[in-house]
Amino acid sequence: MGLGLNPEPCDKLIRSVWRDAYEFTTPFSWLRGLYFRRQKPAVFIFKKPTRSVFHSFFFPYGFGLISLREGSVQEWYELKPWHAWRPRRTYDTMLEIPLIGAYKEEWEAVRACLEKEVLNEKEEMRE
């Protein structure tokens, strides 16, 4: 999985979500995604870095998205139902967390951790 470049508490949270996830590594599986599957996280793994668009069309709930490149978090975004998002940075892995049930709570914890780490980095840069 290779998430060693992330802050320690966030790394543990991301790993716990990843452990439960479906893994999609082929073009057909990327297209199919979570359609007709049980509601649980998904990991999309690409051979080359990409900026592919993710959408929540046809889903009654949104997704938390975390893009990673070489194990390091690049961006995260909360995707509402019937919307699309194109990351600003390239990524080789995308973690998709459904915002429903217990996974919504996990997304909130991961997002809060990542936002806290960004604020800490900004404070360190000011000093």
N, C-alpha and C. Protein backbone atom coordinates (compact mmCIF):
# COMPACT_ATOMS: atom_id res chain seq x y z
N MET A 1 0.83 -1.19 0.00
CA MET A 1 0.00 0.00 0.00
C MET A 1 0.87 1.25 0.00
N GLY A 2 1.94 1.29 0.74
CA GLY A 2 2.90 2.37 0.64
C GLY A 2 2.41 3.74 1.05
N LEU A 3 1.83 3.88 2.23
CA LEU A 3 1.37 5.19 2.68
C LEU A 3 2.31 5.79 3.71
N GLY A 4 3.57 5.46 3.65
CA GLY A 4 4.51 5.90 4.66
C GLY A 4 4.85 7.38 4.65
N LEU A 5 4.48 8.13 3.62
CA LEU A 5 4.83 9.53 3.55
C LEU A 5 3.81 10.45 4.20
N ASN A 6 2.72 9.92 4.70
CA ASN A 6 1.66 10.72 5.30
C ASN A 6 1.90 10.87 6.79
N PRO A 7 1.30 11.90 7.39
CA PRO A 7 1.42 12.05 8.84
C PRO A 7 0.92 10.78 9.53
N GLU A 8 1.58 10.41 10.61
CA GLU A 8 1.31 9.14 11.29
C GLU A 8 -0.16 8.92 11.63
N PRO A 9 -0.85 9.84 12.31
CA PRO A 9 -2.25 9.55 12.65
C PRO A 9 -3.14 9.41 11.41
N CYS A 10 -2.89 10.23 10.40
CA CYS A 10 -3.69 10.15 9.18
C CYS A 10 -3.39 8.85 8.43
N ASP A 11 -2.14 8.44 8.44
CA ASP A 11 -1.74 7.21 7.76
C ASP A 11 -2.51 6.02 8.34
N LYS A 12 -2.64 5.97 9.66
CA LYS A 12 -3.36 4.87 10.30
C LYS A 12 -4.83 4.88 9.92
N LEU A 13 -5.44 6.06 9.88
CA LEU A 13 -6.86 6.16 9.50
C LEU A 13 -7.07 5.72 8.05
N ILE A 14 -6.19 6.17 7.17
CA ILE A 14 -6.31 5.81 5.75
C ILE A 14 -6.13 4.30 5.58
N ARG A 15 -5.17 3.73 6.29
CA ARG A 15 -4.95 2.27 6.21
C ARG A 15 -6.18 1.49 6.67
N SER A 16 -6.84 1.98 7.72
CA SER A 16 -8.01 1.25 8.23
C SER A 16 -9.15 1.26 7.22
N VAL A 17 -9.32 2.36 6.49
CA VAL A 17 -10.35 2.42 5.45
C VAL A 17 -9.94 1.54 4.27
N TRP A 18 -8.67 1.60 3.89
CA TRP A 18 -8.14 0.85 2.75
C TRP A 18 -8.32 -0.65 2.96
N ARG A 19 -8.12 -1.11 4.18
CA ARG A 19 -8.21 -2.54 4.50
C ARG A 19 -9.56 -3.13 4.10
N ASP A 20 -10.61 -2.33 4.18
CA ASP A 20 -11.97 -2.77 3.90
C ASP A 20 -12.36 -2.64 2.43
N ALA A 21 -11.53 -2.00 1.63
CA ALA A 21 -11.94 -1.54 0.30
C ALA A 21 -11.83 -2.60 -0.80
N TYR A 22 -12.69 -2.42 -1.82
CA TYR A 22 -12.51 -3.14 -3.09
C TYR A 22 -11.31 -2.52 -3.77
N GLU A 23 -10.51 -3.32 -4.50
CA GLU A 23 -9.40 -2.78 -5.28
C GLU A 23 -9.69 -2.96 -6.75
N PHE A 24 -9.60 -1.85 -7.49
CA PHE A 24 -9.84 -1.87 -8.93
C PHE A 24 -8.54 -1.50 -9.64
N THR A 25 -8.05 -2.41 -10.50
CA THR A 25 -6.75 -2.20 -11.14
C THR A 25 -6.80 -2.29 -12.66
N THR A 26 -7.95 -2.62 -13.25
CA THR A 26 -8.05 -2.76 -14.70
C THR A 26 -9.01 -1.71 -15.27
N PRO A 27 -8.86 -1.36 -16.55
CA PRO A 27 -9.76 -0.36 -17.14
C PRO A 27 -11.24 -0.72 -16.99
N PHE A 28 -11.60 -1.99 -17.16
CA PHE A 28 -13.01 -2.36 -17.01
C PHE A 28 -13.47 -2.15 -15.57
N SER A 29 -12.64 -2.53 -14.61
CA SER A 29 -13.03 -2.36 -13.21
C SER A 29 -13.11 -0.88 -12.84
N TRP A 30 -12.25 -0.02 -13.45
CA TRP A 30 -12.33 1.42 -13.18
C TRP A 30 -13.65 1.97 -13.67
N LEU A 31 -14.09 1.52 -14.85
CA LEU A 31 -15.36 2.01 -15.40
C LEU A 31 -16.55 1.53 -14.58
N ARG A 32 -16.51 0.29 -14.17
CA ARG A 32 -17.62 -0.27 -13.42
C ARG A 32 -17.69 0.31 -12.01
N GLY A 33 -16.54 0.46 -11.38
CA GLY A 33 -16.49 1.06 -10.05
C GLY A 33 -17.42 0.38 -9.07
N LEU A 34 -18.17 1.17 -8.35
CA LEU A 34 -19.04 0.65 -7.30
C LEU A 34 -20.46 0.34 -7.76
N TYR A 35 -20.73 0.47 -9.06
CA TYR A 35 -22.07 0.15 -9.53
C TYR A 35 -22.40 -1.31 -9.21
N PHE A 36 -23.56 -1.55 -8.67
CA PHE A 36 -24.07 -2.89 -8.35
C PHE A 36 -23.21 -3.63 -7.34
N ARG A 37 -22.52 -2.90 -6.49
CA ARG A 37 -21.71 -3.52 -5.44
C ARG A 37 -22.18 -3.05 -4.07
N ARG A 38 -21.79 -3.82 -3.07
CA ARG A 38 -22.10 -3.44 -1.70
C ARG A 38 -21.43 -2.11 -1.37
N GLN A 39 -22.05 -1.33 -0.52
CA GLN A 39 -21.52 -0.02 -0.18
C GLN A 39 -20.33 -0.16 0.75
N LYS A 40 -19.15 -0.03 0.19
CA LYS A 40 -17.93 0.00 0.97
C LYS A 40 -16.88 0.75 0.17
N PRO A 41 -15.76 1.14 0.77
CA PRO A 41 -14.76 1.93 0.06
C PRO A 41 -14.18 1.20 -1.15
N ALA A 42 -13.60 1.99 -2.04
CA ALA A 42 -12.96 1.44 -3.23
C ALA A 42 -11.61 2.13 -3.42
N VAL A 43 -10.63 1.37 -3.91
CA VAL A 43 -9.32 1.90 -4.24
C VAL A 43 -9.10 1.68 -5.73
N PHE A 44 -8.85 2.77 -6.45
CA PHE A 44 -8.56 2.71 -7.88
C PHE A 44 -7.07 2.90 -8.06
N ILE A 45 -6.40 1.89 -8.64
CA ILE A 45 -4.95 1.92 -8.80
C ILE A 45 -4.63 2.01 -10.30
N PHE A 46 -3.86 3.04 -10.66
CA PHE A 46 -3.51 3.30 -12.07
C PHE A 46 -2.03 3.05 -12.29
N LYS A 47 -1.68 2.56 -13.48
CA LYS A 47 -0.27 2.29 -13.79
C LYS A 47 0.51 3.57 -14.01
N LYS A 48 -0.14 4.58 -14.58
CA LYS A 48 0.50 5.88 -14.83
C LYS A 48 -0.29 6.96 -14.11
N PRO A 49 0.40 8.02 -13.66
CA PRO A 49 -0.33 9.11 -13.02
C PRO A 49 -1.39 9.69 -13.97
N THR A 50 -2.51 10.09 -13.40
CA THR A 50 -3.64 10.56 -14.19
C THR A 50 -4.34 11.70 -13.46
N ARG A 51 -5.26 12.35 -14.16
CA ARG A 51 -6.16 13.34 -13.55
C ARG A 51 -7.59 12.99 -13.93
N SER A 52 -7.90 11.73 -14.01
CA SER A 52 -9.23 11.28 -14.40
C SER A 52 -10.32 11.87 -13.51
N VAL A 53 -11.47 12.11 -14.12
CA VAL A 53 -12.62 12.66 -13.41
C VAL A 53 -13.34 11.56 -12.64
N PHE A 54 -13.77 11.88 -11.43
CA PHE A 54 -14.60 10.98 -10.64
C PHE A 54 -15.98 11.61 -10.51
N HIS A 55 -17.02 10.76 -10.53
CA HIS A 55 -18.38 11.29 -10.43
C HIS A 55 -19.22 10.42 -9.51
N SER A 56 -20.34 11.00 -9.09
CA SER A 56 -21.28 10.26 -8.24
C SER A 56 -22.64 10.18 -8.93
N PHE A 57 -22.64 10.16 -10.26
CA PHE A 57 -23.89 10.04 -11.00
C PHE A 57 -24.54 8.70 -10.66
N PHE A 58 -25.84 8.68 -10.56
CA PHE A 58 -26.64 7.48 -10.29
C PHE A 58 -26.49 6.93 -8.87
N PHE A 59 -25.81 7.68 -7.99
CA PHE A 59 -25.69 7.26 -6.59
C PHE A 59 -26.48 8.22 -5.72
N PRO A 60 -27.26 7.71 -4.77
CA PRO A 60 -28.04 8.59 -3.90
C PRO A 60 -27.21 9.21 -2.77
N TYR A 61 -25.93 8.88 -2.70
CA TYR A 61 -25.05 9.41 -1.66
C TYR A 61 -23.75 9.87 -2.31
N GLY A 62 -23.00 10.70 -1.62
CA GLY A 62 -21.74 11.20 -2.13
C GLY A 62 -20.57 10.32 -1.73
N PHE A 63 -19.37 10.82 -2.03
CA PHE A 63 -18.14 10.09 -1.74
C PHE A 63 -17.09 11.04 -1.19
N GLY A 64 -16.26 10.52 -0.31
CA GLY A 64 -15.04 11.20 0.08
C GLY A 64 -13.94 10.64 -0.80
N LEU A 65 -13.17 11.51 -1.44
CA LEU A 65 -12.11 11.08 -2.35
C LEU A 65 -10.76 11.55 -1.83
N ILE A 66 -9.80 10.64 -1.81
CA ILE A 66 -8.43 10.96 -1.42
C ILE A 66 -7.52 10.51 -2.55
N SER A 67 -6.83 11.46 -3.19
CA SER A 67 -5.90 11.09 -4.26
C SER A 67 -4.50 10.98 -3.67
N LEU A 68 -3.78 9.93 -4.12
CA LEU A 68 -2.43 9.67 -3.63
C LEU A 68 -1.49 9.53 -4.83
N ARG A 69 -0.26 9.94 -4.64
CA ARG A 69 0.77 9.71 -5.65
C ARG A 69 1.99 9.19 -4.92
N GLU A 70 2.41 8.00 -5.31
CA GLU A 70 3.55 7.33 -4.69
C GLU A 70 3.36 7.26 -3.17
N GLY A 71 2.12 7.02 -2.73
CA GLY A 71 1.83 6.85 -1.32
C GLY A 71 1.59 8.12 -0.53
N SER A 72 1.74 9.28 -1.16
CA SER A 72 1.57 10.54 -0.46
C SER A 72 0.25 11.19 -0.86
N VAL A 73 -0.50 11.68 0.12
CA VAL A 73 -1.78 12.33 -0.16
C VAL A 73 -1.53 13.59 -0.97
N GLN A 74 -2.25 13.71 -2.09
CA GLN A 74 -2.16 14.89 -2.95
C GLN A 74 -3.30 15.87 -2.66
N GLU A 75 -4.53 15.33 -2.66
CA GLU A 75 -5.72 16.14 -2.44
C GLU A 75 -6.81 15.27 -1.83
N TRP A 76 -7.82 15.93 -1.29
CA TRP A 76 -9.03 15.22 -0.86
C TRP A 76 -10.21 16.12 -1.16
N TYR A 77 -11.35 15.48 -1.34
CA TYR A 77 -12.54 16.22 -1.77
C TYR A 77 -13.78 15.46 -1.36
N GLU A 78 -14.82 16.19 -0.96
CA GLU A 78 -16.10 15.56 -0.65
C GLU A 78 -17.03 15.78 -1.84
N LEU A 79 -17.35 14.70 -2.52
CA LEU A 79 -18.16 14.74 -3.75
C LEU A 79 -19.63 14.50 -3.41
N LYS A 80 -20.46 15.47 -3.73
CA LYS A 80 -21.90 15.35 -3.46
C LYS A 80 -22.56 14.46 -4.51
N PRO A 81 -23.76 13.94 -4.21
CA PRO A 81 -24.48 13.12 -5.21
C PRO A 81 -24.72 13.91 -6.50
N TRP A 82 -24.58 13.23 -7.62
CA TRP A 82 -24.81 13.80 -8.96
C TRP A 82 -23.86 14.93 -9.33
N HIS A 83 -22.62 14.83 -8.86
CA HIS A 83 -21.59 15.81 -9.19
C HIS A 83 -20.35 15.08 -9.69
N ALA A 84 -19.43 15.87 -10.27
CA ALA A 84 -18.16 15.32 -10.75
C ALA A 84 -17.01 16.18 -10.23
N TRP A 85 -15.83 15.60 -10.18
CA TRP A 85 -14.64 16.31 -9.72
C TRP A 85 -13.41 15.84 -10.49
N ARG A 86 -12.61 16.82 -10.96
CA ARG A 86 -11.31 16.51 -11.58
C ARG A 86 -10.23 17.08 -10.65
N PRO A 87 -9.37 16.22 -10.13
CA PRO A 87 -8.30 16.70 -9.25
C PRO A 87 -7.37 17.67 -9.98
N ARG A 88 -6.80 18.59 -9.24
CA ARG A 88 -5.84 19.55 -9.82
C ARG A 88 -4.48 18.90 -10.04
N ARG A 89 -4.15 17.94 -9.21
CA ARG A 89 -2.84 17.26 -9.30
C ARG A 89 -3.02 15.85 -9.83
N THR A 90 -1.96 15.32 -10.42
CA THR A 90 -2.02 13.93 -10.89
C THR A 90 -1.91 12.98 -9.70
N TYR A 91 -2.42 11.79 -9.89
CA TYR A 91 -2.41 10.78 -8.85
C TYR A 91 -2.26 9.41 -9.51
N ASP A 92 -1.82 8.41 -8.74
CA ASP A 92 -1.76 7.04 -9.25
C ASP A 92 -2.71 6.12 -8.48
N THR A 93 -3.29 6.64 -7.38
CA THR A 93 -4.24 5.88 -6.57
C THR A 93 -5.32 6.83 -6.07
N MET A 94 -6.56 6.36 -6.13
CA MET A 94 -7.67 7.15 -5.59
C MET A 94 -8.44 6.27 -4.62
N LEU A 95 -8.62 6.76 -3.41
CA LEU A 95 -9.41 6.08 -2.40
C LEU A 95 -10.78 6.75 -2.37
N GLU A 96 -11.81 5.96 -2.57
CA GLU A 96 -13.18 6.47 -2.64
C GLU A 96 -13.97 5.90 -1.46
N ILE A 97 -14.48 6.79 -0.61
CA ILE A 97 -15.19 6.36 0.60
C ILE A 97 -16.64 6.79 0.49
N PRO A 98 -17.59 5.84 0.50
CA PRO A 98 -19.00 6.24 0.42
C PRO A 98 -19.43 6.99 1.67
N LEU A 99 -20.17 8.07 1.47
CA LEU A 99 -20.62 8.88 2.60
C LEU A 99 -21.97 8.38 3.09
N ILE A 100 -21.93 7.16 3.62
CA ILE A 100 -23.14 6.52 4.10
C ILE A 100 -22.76 5.57 5.23
N GLY A 101 -23.59 5.49 6.25
CA GLY A 101 -23.34 4.57 7.36
C GLY A 101 -22.05 4.88 8.11
N ALA A 102 -21.39 3.84 8.57
CA ALA A 102 -20.16 3.98 9.37
C ALA A 102 -19.03 4.60 8.55
N TYR A 103 -19.05 4.42 7.24
CA TYR A 103 -17.98 4.97 6.41
C TYR A 103 -17.99 6.49 6.41
N LYS A 104 -19.17 7.08 6.59
CA LYS A 104 -19.24 8.54 6.66
C LYS A 104 -18.45 9.05 7.86
N GLU A 105 -18.57 8.35 8.98
CA GLU A 105 -17.82 8.72 10.18
C GLU A 105 -16.32 8.56 9.95
N GLU A 106 -15.92 7.50 9.26
CA GLU A 106 -14.50 7.29 8.96
C GLU A 106 -13.98 8.41 8.06
N TRP A 107 -14.78 8.80 7.05
CA TRP A 107 -14.38 9.90 6.17
C TRP A 107 -14.19 11.18 6.98
N GLU A 108 -15.12 11.47 7.88
CA GLU A 108 -15.02 12.68 8.71
C GLU A 108 -13.73 12.68 9.51
N ALA A 109 -13.36 11.53 10.06
CA ALA A 109 -12.13 11.42 10.85
C ALA A 109 -10.89 11.63 9.98
N VAL A 110 -10.86 11.01 8.81
CA VAL A 110 -9.71 11.16 7.90
C VAL A 110 -9.60 12.61 7.44
N ARG A 111 -10.71 13.19 7.02
CA ARG A 111 -10.69 14.57 6.52
C ARG A 111 -10.23 15.53 7.62
N ALA A 112 -10.75 15.38 8.83
CA ALA A 112 -10.35 16.24 9.94
C ALA A 112 -8.85 16.12 10.22
N CYS A 113 -8.34 14.90 10.16
CA CYS A 113 -6.91 14.68 10.39
C CYS A 113 -6.07 15.37 9.32
N LEU A 114 -6.45 15.20 8.06
CA LEU A 114 -5.70 15.82 6.97
C LEU A 114 -5.75 17.34 7.05
N GLU A 115 -6.92 17.89 7.35
CA GLU A 115 -7.04 19.35 7.47
C GLU A 115 -6.20 19.88 8.63
N LYS A 116 -6.16 19.14 9.73
CA LYS A 116 -5.35 19.53 10.88
C LYS A 116 -3.86 19.55 10.51
N GLU A 117 -3.43 18.53 9.77
CA GLU A 117 -2.02 18.46 9.36
C GLU A 117 -1.65 19.62 8.42
N VAL A 118 -2.57 19.99 7.53
CA VAL A 118 -2.30 21.12 6.63
C VAL A 118 -2.16 22.41 7.44
N LEU A 119 -3.03 22.62 8.43
CA LEU A 119 -2.94 23.81 9.28
C LEU A 119 -1.62 23.82 10.06
N ASN A 120 -1.21 22.66 10.56
CA ASN A 120 0.07 22.57 11.28
C ASN A 120 1.24 22.92 10.38
N GLU A 121 1.21 22.45 9.13
CA GLU A 121 2.28 22.76 8.18
C GLU A 121 2.33 24.26 7.89
N LYS A 122 1.16 24.88 7.73
CA LYS A 122 1.12 26.32 7.46
C LYS A 122 1.68 27.11 8.63
N GLU A 123 1.36 26.70 9.86
CA GLU A 123 1.89 27.38 11.04
C GLU A 123 3.40 27.23 11.13
N GLU A 124 3.92 26.04 10.78
CA GLU A 124 5.36 25.84 10.80
C GLU A 124 6.06 26.69 9.77
N MET A 125 5.43 26.90 8.62
CA MET A 125 6.02 27.72 7.56
C MET A 125 6.09 29.19 7.99
N ARG A 126 5.12 29.65 8.76
CA ARG A 126 5.11 31.05 9.22
C ARG A 126 6.23 31.32 10.21
N GLU A 127 6.61 30.33 10.99
CA GLU A 127 7.63 30.51 12.03
C GLU A 127 9.01 30.60 11.49
